[in-house]
Amino acid sequence: TVSAVCFVFVWSIILASYIAFRRRRPHLHNASKFKMP
């Protein structure tokens, strides 16, 4: 249970980073060949 909670935190940080990436690096997102659906 402790592990699962901490993994949810890590997964959430990945998603939060993606939001920041889309906002700050739109040119890299547009050039990406592996966009998140």
Full PDB file with SEQRES, HELIX, SHEET, SSBOND, CRYST1, ORIGX, SCALE, CONECT and MASTER records, all heavy atoms in Angstrom:
SEQRES   1 A   37  THR VAL SER ALA VAL CYS PHE VAL PHE VAL TRP SER ILE          
SEQRES   2 A   37  ILE LEU ALA SER TYR ILE ALA PHE ARG ARG ARG ARG PRO          
SEQRES   3 A   37  HIS LEU HIS ASN ALA SER LYS PHE LYS MET PRO                  
HELIX    1 AA1 VAL A    2  ARG A   24  1                                  23    
HELIX    2 AA2 PRO A   26  ALA A   31  1                                   6    
CRYST1    1.000    1.000    1.000  90.00  90.00  90.00 P 1           1          
ORIGX1      1.000000  0.000000  0.000000        0.00000                         
ORIGX2      0.000000  1.000000  0.000000        0.00000                         
ORIGX3      0.000000  0.000000  1.000000        0.00000                         
SCALE1      1.000000  0.000000  0.000000        0.00000                         
SCALE2      0.000000  1.000000  0.000000        0.00000                         
SCALE3      0.000000  0.000000  1.000000        0.00000                         
ATOM      1  N   THR A   1       0.829  -1.207   0.000  1.00  0.00           N  
ATOM      2  CA  THR A   1       0.000   0.000   0.000  1.00  0.00           C  
ATOM      3  C   THR A   1       0.862   1.255   0.000  1.00  0.00           C  
ATOM      4  O   THR A   1       0.616   2.200  -0.761  1.00  0.00           O  
ATOM      5  CB  THR A   1      -0.945   0.012   1.210  1.00  0.00           C  
ATOM      6  OG1 THR A   1      -1.755  -1.160   1.189  1.00  0.00           O  
ATOM      7  CG2 THR A   1      -1.847   1.234   1.186  1.00  0.00           C  
ATOM      8  N   VAL A   2       1.888   1.284   0.859  1.00  0.00           N  
ATOM      9  CA  VAL A   2       2.801   2.432   0.895  1.00  0.00           C  
ATOM     10  C   VAL A   2       3.461   2.611  -0.468  1.00  0.00           C  
ATOM     11  O   VAL A   2       3.563   3.727  -1.001  1.00  0.00           O  
ATOM     12  CB  VAL A   2       3.876   2.247   1.995  1.00  0.00           C  
ATOM     13  CG1 VAL A   2       4.927   3.350   1.910  1.00  0.00           C  
ATOM     14  CG2 VAL A   2       3.232   2.253   3.372  1.00  0.00           C  
ATOM     15  N   SER A   3       3.886   1.497  -1.063  1.00  0.00           N  
ATOM     16  CA  SER A   3       4.526   1.555  -2.380  1.00  0.00           C  
ATOM     17  C   SER A   3       3.568   2.093  -3.432  1.00  0.00           C  
ATOM     18  O   SER A   3       3.941   2.941  -4.254  1.00  0.00           O  
ATOM     19  CB  SER A   3       5.013   0.154  -2.765  1.00  0.00           C  
ATOM     20  OG  SER A   3       5.555   0.149  -4.067  1.00  0.00           O  
ATOM     21  N   ALA A   4       2.325   1.606  -3.423  1.00  0.00           N  
ATOM     22  CA  ALA A   4       1.343   2.043  -4.416  1.00  0.00           C  
ATOM     23  C   ALA A   4       1.094   3.548  -4.319  1.00  0.00           C  
ATOM     24  O   ALA A   4       1.014   4.235  -5.346  1.00  0.00           O  
ATOM     25  CB  ALA A   4       0.036   1.279  -4.234  1.00  0.00           C  
ATOM     26  N   VAL A   5       0.980   4.077  -3.103  1.00  0.00           N  
ATOM     27  CA  VAL A   5       0.748   5.515  -2.913  1.00  0.00           C  
ATOM     28  C   VAL A   5       1.919   6.320  -3.488  1.00  0.00           C  
ATOM     29  O   VAL A   5       1.728   7.325  -4.183  1.00  0.00           O  
ATOM     30  CB  VAL A   5       0.547   5.849  -1.418  1.00  0.00           C  
ATOM     31  CG1 VAL A   5       0.484   7.358  -1.211  1.00  0.00           C  
ATOM     32  CG2 VAL A   5      -0.729   5.206  -0.899  1.00  0.00           C  
ATOM     33  N   CYS A   6       3.147   5.863  -3.222  1.00  0.00           N  
ATOM     34  CA  CYS A   6       4.314   6.586  -3.712  1.00  0.00           C  
ATOM     35  C   CYS A   6       4.431   6.498  -5.234  1.00  0.00           C  
ATOM     36  O   CYS A   6       4.842   7.455  -5.894  1.00  0.00           O  
ATOM     37  CB  CYS A   6       5.581   6.040  -3.049  1.00  0.00           C  
ATOM     38  SG  CYS A   6       5.711   6.454  -1.302  1.00  0.00           S  
ATOM     39  N   PHE A   7       4.067   5.353  -5.795  1.00  0.00           N  
ATOM     40  CA  PHE A   7       4.082   5.235  -7.256  1.00  0.00           C  
ATOM     41  C   PHE A   7       3.043   6.158  -7.884  1.00  0.00           C  
ATOM     42  O   PHE A   7       3.286   6.740  -8.952  1.00  0.00           O  
ATOM     43  CB  PHE A   7       3.841   3.791  -7.694  1.00  0.00           C  
ATOM     44  CG  PHE A   7       5.096   2.983  -7.842  1.00  0.00           C  
ATOM     45  CD1 PHE A   7       5.469   2.065  -6.875  1.00  0.00           C  
ATOM     46  CD2 PHE A   7       5.913   3.155  -8.937  1.00  0.00           C  
ATOM     47  CE1 PHE A   7       6.630   1.314  -7.016  1.00  0.00           C  
ATOM     48  CE2 PHE A   7       7.079   2.419  -9.096  1.00  0.00           C  
ATOM     49  CZ  PHE A   7       7.440   1.495  -8.123  1.00  0.00           C  
ATOM     50  N   VAL A   8       1.882   6.305  -7.261  1.00  0.00           N  
ATOM     51  CA  VAL A   8       0.864   7.232  -7.772  1.00  0.00           C  
ATOM     52  C   VAL A   8       1.427   8.650  -7.798  1.00  0.00           C  
ATOM     53  O   VAL A   8       1.186   9.420  -8.736  1.00  0.00           O  
ATOM     54  CB  VAL A   8      -0.420   7.159  -6.916  1.00  0.00           C  
ATOM     55  CG1 VAL A   8      -1.346   8.325  -7.237  1.00  0.00           C  
ATOM     56  CG2 VAL A   8      -1.151   5.840  -7.165  1.00  0.00           C  
ATOM     57  N   PHE A   9       2.224   9.006  -6.780  1.00  0.00           N  
ATOM     58  CA  PHE A   9       2.870  10.322  -6.755  1.00  0.00           C  
ATOM     59  C   PHE A   9       3.809  10.481  -7.949  1.00  0.00           C  
ATOM     60  O   PHE A   9       3.792  11.501  -8.655  1.00  0.00           O  
ATOM     61  CB  PHE A   9       3.650  10.504  -5.447  1.00  0.00           C  
ATOM     62  CG  PHE A   9       4.537  11.725  -5.436  1.00  0.00           C  
ATOM     63  CD1 PHE A   9       4.006  12.976  -5.169  1.00  0.00           C  
ATOM     64  CD2 PHE A   9       5.891  11.619  -5.703  1.00  0.00           C  
ATOM     65  CE1 PHE A   9       4.819  14.113  -5.174  1.00  0.00           C  
ATOM     66  CE2 PHE A   9       6.719  12.732  -5.701  1.00  0.00           C  
ATOM     67  CZ  PHE A   9       6.176  13.983  -5.440  1.00  0.00           C  
ATOM     68  N   VAL A  10       4.645   9.459  -8.198  1.00  0.00           N  
ATOM     69  CA  VAL A  10       5.597   9.525  -9.313  1.00  0.00           C  
ATOM     70  C   VAL A  10       4.861   9.622 -10.644  1.00  0.00           C  
ATOM     71  O   VAL A  10       5.211  10.438 -11.509  1.00  0.00           O  
ATOM     72  CB  VAL A  10       6.530   8.295  -9.293  1.00  0.00           C  
ATOM     73  CG1 VAL A  10       7.381   8.235 -10.557  1.00  0.00           C  
ATOM     74  CG2 VAL A  10       7.428   8.321  -8.061  1.00  0.00           C  
ATOM     75  N   TRP A  11       3.828   8.803 -10.818  1.00  0.00           N  
ATOM     76  CA  TRP A  11       3.047   8.857 -12.065  1.00  0.00           C  
ATOM     77  C   TRP A  11       2.408  10.229 -12.249  1.00  0.00           C  
ATOM     78  O   TRP A  11       2.319  10.740 -13.366  1.00  0.00           O  
ATOM     79  CB  TRP A  11       1.977   7.765 -12.059  1.00  0.00           C  
ATOM     80  CG  TRP A  11       2.525   6.364 -12.039  1.00  0.00           C  
ATOM     81  CD1 TRP A  11       3.742   5.952 -12.523  1.00  0.00           C  
ATOM     82  CD2 TRP A  11       1.891   5.193 -11.519  1.00  0.00           C  
ATOM     83  NE1 TRP A  11       3.900   4.601 -12.326  1.00  0.00           N  
ATOM     84  CE2 TRP A  11       2.789   4.106 -11.717  1.00  0.00           C  
ATOM     85  CE3 TRP A  11       0.666   4.946 -10.897  1.00  0.00           C  
ATOM     86  CZ2 TRP A  11       2.476   2.806 -11.308  1.00  0.00           C  
ATOM     87  CZ3 TRP A  11       0.356   3.641 -10.497  1.00  0.00           C  
ATOM     88  CH2 TRP A  11       1.259   2.591 -10.703  1.00  0.00           C  
ATOM     89  N   SER A  12       1.956  10.835 -11.141  1.00  0.00           N  
ATOM     90  CA  SER A  12       1.336  12.166 -11.203  1.00  0.00           C  
ATOM     91  C   SER A  12       2.348  13.226 -11.603  1.00  0.00           C  
ATOM     92  O   SER A  12       2.026  14.157 -12.367  1.00  0.00           O  
ATOM     93  CB  SER A  12       0.706  12.519  -9.854  1.00  0.00           C  
ATOM     94  OG  SER A  12      -0.320  11.614  -9.515  1.00  0.00           O  
ATOM     95  N   ILE A  13       3.585  13.107 -11.110  1.00  0.00           N  
ATOM     96  CA  ILE A  13       4.637  14.050 -11.487  1.00  0.00           C  
ATOM     97  C   ILE A  13       4.941  13.946 -12.977  1.00  0.00           C  
ATOM     98  O   ILE A  13       5.173  14.960 -13.661  1.00  0.00           O  
ATOM     99  CB  ILE A  13       5.917  13.801 -10.659  1.00  0.00           C  
ATOM    100  CG1 ILE A  13       5.712  14.262  -9.209  1.00  0.00           C  
ATOM    101  CG2 ILE A  13       7.115  14.523 -11.267  1.00  0.00           C  
ATOM    102  CD1 ILE A  13       5.634  15.765  -9.019  1.00  0.00           C  
ATOM    103  N   ILE A  14       4.920  12.728 -13.515  1.00  0.00           N  
ATOM    104  CA  ILE A  14       5.132  12.548 -14.957  1.00  0.00           C  
ATOM    105  C   ILE A  14       4.068  13.314 -15.745  1.00  0.00           C  
ATOM    106  O   ILE A  14       4.373  14.015 -16.715  1.00  0.00           O  
ATOM    107  CB  ILE A  14       5.110  11.049 -15.320  1.00  0.00           C  
ATOM    108  CG1 ILE A  14       6.342  10.340 -14.751  1.00  0.00           C  
ATOM    109  CG2 ILE A  14       5.056  10.858 -16.845  1.00  0.00           C  
ATOM    110  CD1 ILE A  14       6.314   8.830 -14.899  1.00  0.00           C  
ATOM    111  N   LEU A  15       2.810  13.197 -15.301  1.00  0.00           N  
ATOM    112  CA  LEU A  15       1.718  13.891 -15.990  1.00  0.00           C  
ATOM    113  C   LEU A  15       1.812  15.406 -15.823  1.00  0.00           C  
ATOM    114  O   LEU A  15       1.553  16.164 -16.770  1.00  0.00           O  
ATOM    115  CB  LEU A  15       0.372  13.384 -15.473  1.00  0.00           C  
ATOM    116  CG  LEU A  15       0.040  11.921 -15.782  1.00  0.00           C  
ATOM    117  CD1 LEU A  15      -1.292  11.536 -15.141  1.00  0.00           C  
ATOM    118  CD2 LEU A  15      -0.011  11.675 -17.291  1.00  0.00           C  
ATOM    119  N   ALA A  16       2.183  15.858 -14.616  1.00  0.00           N  
ATOM    120  CA  ALA A  16       2.344  17.295 -14.389  1.00  0.00           C  
ATOM    121  C   ALA A  16       3.470  17.853 -15.263  1.00  0.00           C  
ATOM    122  O   ALA A  16       3.374  18.971 -15.790  1.00  0.00           O  
ATOM    123  CB  ALA A  16       2.632  17.567 -12.915  1.00  0.00           C  
ATOM    124  N   SER A  17       4.523  17.059 -15.433  1.00  0.00           N  
ATOM    125  CA  SER A  17       5.629  17.475 -16.301  1.00  0.00           C  
ATOM    126  C   SER A  17       5.162  17.583 -17.748  1.00  0.00           C  
ATOM    127  O   SER A  17       5.592  18.478 -18.492  1.00  0.00           O  
ATOM    128  CB  SER A  17       6.783  16.472 -16.208  1.00  0.00           C  
ATOM    129  OG  SER A  17       7.274  16.381 -14.891  1.00  0.00           O  
ATOM    130  N   TYR A  18       4.270  16.677 -18.141  1.00  0.00           N  
ATOM    131  CA  TYR A  18       3.749  16.717 -19.509  1.00  0.00           C  
ATOM    132  C   TYR A  18       2.948  18.002 -19.743  1.00  0.00           C  
ATOM    133  O   TYR A  18       3.065  18.641 -20.798  1.00  0.00           O  
ATOM    134  CB  TYR A  18       2.876  15.496 -19.771  1.00  0.00           C  
ATOM    135  CG  TYR A  18       2.247  15.495 -21.143  1.00  0.00           C  
ATOM    136  CD1 TYR A  18       2.980  15.132 -22.260  1.00  0.00           C  
ATOM    137  CD2 TYR A  18       0.914  15.895 -21.323  1.00  0.00           C  
ATOM    138  CE1 TYR A  18       2.417  15.139 -23.536  1.00  0.00           C  
ATOM    139  CE2 TYR A  18       0.342  15.911 -22.588  1.00  0.00           C  
ATOM    140  CZ  TYR A  18       1.098  15.534 -23.685  1.00  0.00           C  
ATOM    141  OH  TYR A  18       0.538  15.566 -24.938  1.00  0.00           O  
ATOM    142  N   ILE A  19       2.144  18.400 -18.757  1.00  0.00           N  
ATOM    143  CA  ILE A  19       1.381  19.648 -18.878  1.00  0.00           C  
ATOM    144  C   ILE A  19       2.325  20.838 -19.044  1.00  0.00           C  
ATOM    145  O   ILE A  19       2.127  21.714 -19.900  1.00  0.00           O  
ATOM    146  CB  ILE A  19       0.468  19.846 -17.653  1.00  0.00           C  
ATOM    147  CG1 ILE A  19      -0.647  18.778 -17.635  1.00  0.00           C  
ATOM    148  CG2 ILE A  19      -0.142  21.240 -17.646  1.00  0.00           C  
ATOM    149  CD1 ILE A  19      -1.517  18.823 -16.400  1.00  0.00           C  
ATOM    150  N   ALA A  20       3.391  20.872 -18.223  1.00  0.00           N  
ATOM    151  CA  ALA A  20       4.371  21.955 -18.316  1.00  0.00           C  
ATOM    152  C   ALA A  20       5.094  21.919 -19.667  1.00  0.00           C  
ATOM    153  O   ALA A  20       5.388  22.964 -20.259  1.00  0.00           O  
ATOM    154  CB  ALA A  20       5.383  21.840 -17.173  1.00  0.00           C  
ATOM    155  N   PHE A  21       5.380  20.721 -20.146  1.00  0.00           N  
ATOM    156  CA  PHE A  21       6.045  20.551 -21.445  1.00  0.00           C  
ATOM    157  C   PHE A  21       5.195  21.124 -22.571  1.00  0.00           C  
ATOM    158  O   PHE A  21       5.701  21.844 -23.443  1.00  0.00           O  
ATOM    159  CB  PHE A  21       6.296  19.052 -21.659  1.00  0.00           C  
ATOM    160  CG  PHE A  21       6.756  18.689 -23.046  1.00  0.00           C  
ATOM    161  CD1 PHE A  21       8.048  18.962 -23.459  1.00  0.00           C  
ATOM    162  CD2 PHE A  21       5.894  18.040 -23.929  1.00  0.00           C  
ATOM    163  CE1 PHE A  21       8.480  18.605 -24.743  1.00  0.00           C  
ATOM    164  CE2 PHE A  21       6.314  17.675 -25.201  1.00  0.00           C  
ATOM    165  CZ  PHE A  21       7.609  17.967 -25.606  1.00  0.00           C  
ATOM    166  N   ARG A  22       3.907  20.828 -22.556  1.00  0.00           N  
ATOM    167  CA  ARG A  22       3.011  21.340 -23.592  1.00  0.00           C  
ATOM    168  C   ARG A  22       2.929  22.865 -23.552  1.00  0.00           C  
ATOM    169  O   ARG A  22       2.794  23.513 -24.597  1.00  0.00           O  
ATOM    170  CB  ARG A  22       1.620  20.725 -23.427  1.00  0.00           C  
ATOM    171  CG  ARG A  22       1.536  19.245 -23.771  1.00  0.00           C  
ATOM    172  CD  ARG A  22       1.661  19.012 -25.271  1.00  0.00           C  
ATOM    173  NE  ARG A  22       0.632  19.706 -26.005  1.00  0.00           N  
ATOM    174  CZ  ARG A  22      -0.581  19.205 -26.264  1.00  0.00           C  
ATOM    175  NH1 ARG A  22      -0.884  17.969 -25.862  1.00  0.00           N  
ATOM    176  NH2 ARG A  22      -1.462  19.890 -26.940  1.00  0.00           N  
ATOM    177  N   ARG A  23       3.015  23.429 -22.366  1.00  0.00           N  
ATOM    178  CA  ARG A  23       2.917  24.879 -22.214  1.00  0.00           C  
ATOM    179  C   ARG A  23       4.228  25.583 -22.592  1.00  0.00           C  
ATOM    180  O   ARG A  23       4.211  26.616 -23.267  1.00  0.00           O  
ATOM    181  CB  ARG A  23       2.548  25.225 -20.768  1.00  0.00           C  
ATOM    182  CG  ARG A  23       2.301  26.721 -20.552  1.00  0.00           C  
ATOM    183  CD  ARG A  23       1.901  27.027 -19.126  1.00  0.00           C  
ATOM    184  NE  ARG A  23       2.975  26.775 -18.174  1.00  0.00           N  
ATOM    185  CZ  ARG A  23       2.991  25.775 -17.298  1.00  0.00           C  
ATOM    186  NH1 ARG A  23       1.986  24.916 -17.247  1.00  0.00           N  
ATOM    187  NH2 ARG A  23       4.005  25.607 -16.486  1.00  0.00           N  
ATOM    188  N   ARG A  24       5.367  25.002 -22.206  1.00  0.00           N  
ATOM    189  CA  ARG A  24       6.662  25.671 -22.371  1.00  0.00           C  
ATOM    190  C   ARG A  24       7.395  25.263 -23.645  1.00  0.00           C  
ATOM    191  O   ARG A  24       8.222  26.026 -24.142  1.00  0.00           O  
ATOM    192  CB  ARG A  24       7.551  25.367 -21.156  1.00  0.00           C  
ATOM    193  CG  ARG A  24       7.019  25.945 -19.852  1.00  0.00           C  
ATOM    194  CD  ARG A  24       7.888  25.518 -18.682  1.00  0.00           C  
ATOM    195  NE  ARG A  24       9.288  25.852 -18.886  1.00  0.00           N  
ATOM    196  CZ  ARG A  24      10.268  25.456 -18.084  1.00  0.00           C  
ATOM    197  NH1 ARG A  24       9.991  24.702 -17.030  1.00  0.00           N  
ATOM    198  NH2 ARG A  24      11.508  25.805 -18.325  1.00  0.00           N  
ATOM    199  N   ARG A  25       7.131  24.078 -24.167  1.00  0.00           N  
ATOM    200  CA  ARG A  25       7.873  23.599 -25.344  1.00  0.00           C  
ATOM    201  C   ARG A  25       6.906  23.134 -26.441  1.00  0.00           C  
ATOM    202  O   ARG A  25       6.979  21.984 -26.889  1.00  0.00           O  
ATOM    203  CB  ARG A  25       8.789  22.439 -24.959  1.00  0.00           C  
ATOM    204  CG  ARG A  25       9.595  22.653 -23.683  1.00  0.00           C  
ATOM    205  CD  ARG A  25      10.927  23.317 -23.952  1.00  0.00           C  
ATOM    206  NE  ARG A  25      11.539  23.771 -22.707  1.00  0.00           N  
ATOM    207  CZ  ARG A  25      12.214  22.982 -21.864  1.00  0.00           C  
ATOM    208  NH1 ARG A  25      12.359  21.700 -22.142  1.00  0.00           N  
ATOM    209  NH2 ARG A  25      12.738  23.479 -20.759  1.00  0.00           N  
ATOM    210  N   PRO A  26       5.997  23.977 -26.876  1.00  0.00           N  
ATOM    211  CA  PRO A  26       5.028  23.542 -27.900  1.00  0.00           C  
ATOM    212  C   PRO A  26       5.693  23.109 -29.207  1.00  0.00           C  
ATOM    213  O   PRO A  26       5.189  22.237 -29.906  1.00  0.00           O  
ATOM    214  CB  PRO A  26       4.141  24.777 -28.108  1.00  0.00           C  
ATOM    215  CG  PRO A  26       4.963  25.923 -27.624  1.00  0.00           C  
ATOM    216  CD  PRO A  26       5.799  25.392 -26.509  1.00  0.00           C  
ATOM    217  N   HIS A  27       6.852  23.715 -29.531  1.00  0.00           N  
ATOM    218  CA  HIS A  27       7.551  23.353 -30.764  1.00  0.00           C  
ATOM    219  C   HIS A  27       8.059  21.912 -30.719  1.00  0.00           C  
ATOM    220  O   HIS A  27       8.053  21.200 -31.722  1.00  0.00           O  
ATOM    221  CB  HIS A  27       8.706  24.320 -31.019  1.00  0.00           C  
ATOM    222  CG  HIS A  27       9.719  24.362 -29.916  1.00  0.00           C  
ATOM    223  ND1 HIS A  27       9.479  24.988 -28.703  1.00  0.00           N  
ATOM    224  CD2 HIS A  27      10.973  23.836 -29.823  1.00  0.00           C  
ATOM    225  CE1 HIS A  27      10.535  24.860 -27.916  1.00  0.00           C  
ATOM    226  NE2 HIS A  27      11.455  24.159 -28.574  1.00  0.00           N  
ATOM    227  N   LEU A  28       8.503  21.470 -29.514  1.00  0.00           N  
ATOM    228  CA  LEU A  28       8.974  20.083 -29.380  1.00  0.00           C  
ATOM    229  C   LEU A  28       7.810  19.100 -29.460  1.00  0.00           C  
ATOM    230  O   LEU A  28       7.944  18.010 -30.017  1.00  0.00           O  
ATOM    231  CB  LEU A  28       9.728  19.907 -28.060  1.00  0.00           C  
ATOM    232  CG  LEU A  28      11.076  20.617 -27.943  1.00  0.00           C  
ATOM    233  CD1 LEU A  28      11.709  20.338 -26.585  1.00  0.00           C  
ATOM    234  CD2 LEU A  28      12.025  20.170 -29.053  1.00  0.00           C  
ATOM    235  N   HIS A  29       6.661  19.501 -28.894  1.00  0.00           N  
ATOM    236  CA  HIS A  29       5.485  18.642 -28.979  1.00  0.00           C  
ATOM    237  C   HIS A  29       5.050  18.494 -30.439  1.00  0.00           C  
ATOM    238  O   HIS A  29       4.740  17.390 -30.899  1.00  0.00           O  
ATOM    239  CB  HIS A  29       4.345  19.216 -28.148  1.00  0.00           C  
ATOM    240  CG  HIS A  29       3.030  18.541 -28.396  1.00  0.00           C  
ATOM    241  ND1 HIS A  29       2.758  17.249 -27.987  1.00  0.00           N  
ATOM    242  CD2 HIS A  29       1.908  18.974 -29.055  1.00  0.00           C  
ATOM    243  CE1 HIS A  29       1.530  16.915 -28.356  1.00  0.00           C  
ATOM    244  NE2 HIS A  29       0.994  17.942 -29.003  1.00  0.00           N  
ATOM    245  N   ASN A  30       5.046  19.604 -31.172  1.00  0.00           N  
ATOM    246  CA  ASN A  30       4.622  19.562 -32.572  1.00  0.00           C  
ATOM    247  C   ASN A  30       5.566  18.702 -33.418  1.00  0.00           C  
ATOM    248  O   ASN A  30       5.141  18.062 -34.382  1.00  0.00           O  
ATOM    249  CB  ASN A  30       4.553  20.975 -33.145  1.00  0.00           C  
ATOM    250  CG  ASN A  30       3.441  21.804 -32.516  1.00  0.00           C  
ATOM    251  OD1 ASN A  30       2.433  21.257 -32.065  1.00  0.00           O  
ATOM    252  ND2 ASN A  30       3.629  23.120 -32.443  1.00  0.00           N  
ATOM    253  N   ALA A  31       6.861  18.697 -33.037  1.00  0.00           N  
ATOM    254  CA  ALA A  31       7.846  17.932 -33.799  1.00  0.00           C  
ATOM    255  C   ALA A  31       7.917  16.466 -33.375  1.00  0.00           C  
ATOM    256  O   ALA A  31       8.557  15.664 -34.057  1.00  0.00           O  
ATOM    257  CB  ALA A  31       9.225  18.567 -33.644  1.00  0.00           C  
ATOM    258  N   SER A  32       7.253  16.136 -32.273  1.00  0.00           N  
ATOM    259  CA  SER A  32       7.348  14.773 -31.732  1.00  0.00           C  
ATOM    260  C   SER A  32       6.706  13.746 -32.665  1.00  0.00           C  
ATOM    261  O   SER A  32       5.645  13.985 -33.244  1.00  0.00           O  
ATOM    262  CB  SER A  32       6.672  14.701 -30.362  1.00  0.00           C  
ATOM    263  OG  SER A  32       6.647  13.371 -29.885  1.00  0.00           O  
ATOM    264  N   LYS A  33       7.367  12.603 -32.805  1.00  0.00           N  
ATOM    265  CA  LYS A  33       6.817  11.482 -33.575  1.00  0.00           C  
ATOM    266  C   LYS A  33       6.108  10.484 -32.670  1.00  0.00           C  
ATOM    267  O   LYS A  33       5.630   9.452 -33.131  1.00  0.00           O  
ATOM    268  CB  LYS A  33       7.939  10.776 -34.341  1.00  0.00           C  
ATOM    269  CG  LYS A  33       8.610  11.654 -35.390  1.00  0.00           C  
ATOM    270  CD  LYS A  33       9.728  10.895 -36.097  1.00  0.00           C  
ATOM    271  CE  LYS A  33      10.396  11.767 -37.139  1.00  0.00           C  
ATOM    272  NZ  LYS A  33      11.525  11.051 -37.810  1.00  0.00           N  
ATOM    273  N   PHE A  34       6.080  10.779 -31.362  1.00  0.00           N  
ATOM    274  CA  PHE A  34       5.481   9.853 -30.397  1.00  0.00           C  
ATOM    275  C   PHE A  34       4.603  10.647 -29.424  1.00  0.00           C  
ATOM    276  O   PHE A  34       4.835  10.677 -28.221  1.00  0.00           O  
ATOM    277  CB  PHE A  34       6.589   9.091 -29.657  1.00  0.00           C  
ATOM    278  CG  PHE A  34       6.100   7.895 -28.881  1.00  0.00           C  
ATOM    279  CD1 PHE A  34       5.412   6.865 -29.499  1.00  0.00           C  
ATOM    280  CD2 PHE A  34       6.340   7.804 -27.521  1.00  0.00           C  
ATOM    281  CE1 PHE A  34       4.973   5.765 -28.770  1.00  0.00           C  
ATOM    282  CE2 PHE A  34       5.911   6.700 -26.782  1.00  0.00           C  
ATOM    283  CZ  PHE A  34       5.222   5.685 -27.413  1.00  0.00           C  
ATOM    284  N   LYS A  35       3.594  11.323 -29.976  1.00  0.00           N  
ATOM    285  CA  LYS A  35       2.728  12.170 -29.171  1.00  0.00           C  
ATOM    286  C   LYS A  35       1.794  11.335 -28.279  1.00  0.00           C  
ATOM    287  O   LYS A  35       1.332  10.266 -28.679  1.00  0.00           O  
ATOM    288  CB  LYS A  35       1.871  13.068 -30.076  1.00  0.00           C  
ATOM    289  CG  LYS A  35       2.643  14.132 -30.842  1.00  0.00           C  
ATOM    290  CD  LYS A  35       1.691  15.015 -31.630  1.00  0.00           C  
ATOM    291  CE  LYS A  35       2.413  16.155 -32.330  1.00  0.00           C  
ATOM    292  NZ  LYS A  35       3.275  15.678 -33.429  1.00  0.00           N  
ATOM    293  N   MET A  36       1.523  11.874 -27.094  1.00  0.00           N  
ATOM    294  CA  MET A  36       0.578  11.204 -26.195  1.00  0.00           C  
ATOM    295  C   MET A  36      -0.839  11.371 -26.733  1.00  0.00           C  
ATOM    296  O   MET A  36      -1.290  12.490 -26.968  1.00  0.00           O  
ATOM    297  CB  MET A  36       0.659  11.809 -24.793  1.00  0.00           C  
ATOM    298  CG  MET A  36      -0.414  11.291 -23.858  1.00  0.00           C  
ATOM    299  SD  MET A  36      -0.493  12.232 -22.321  1.00  0.00           S  
ATOM    300  CE  MET A  36      -2.059  11.664 -21.652  1.00  0.00           C  
ATOM    301  N   PRO A  37      -1.576  10.284 -26.944  1.00  0.00           N  
ATOM    302  CA  PRO A  37      -2.965  10.419 -27.422  1.00  0.00           C  
ATOM    303  C   PRO A  37      -3.852  11.031 -26.352  1.00  0.00           C  
ATOM    304  O   PRO A  37      -3.682  10.771 -25.167  1.00  0.00           O  
ATOM    305  CB  PRO A  37      -3.369   8.963 -27.720  1.00  0.00           C  
ATOM    306  CG  PRO A  37      -2.449   8.123 -26.919  1.00  0.00           C  
ATOM    307  CD  PRO A  37      -1.168   8.886 -26.774  1.00  0.00           C  
TER     308      PRO A  37                                                      
MASTER        0    0    0    2    0    0    0    6  307    1    0    3          
END                                                                             
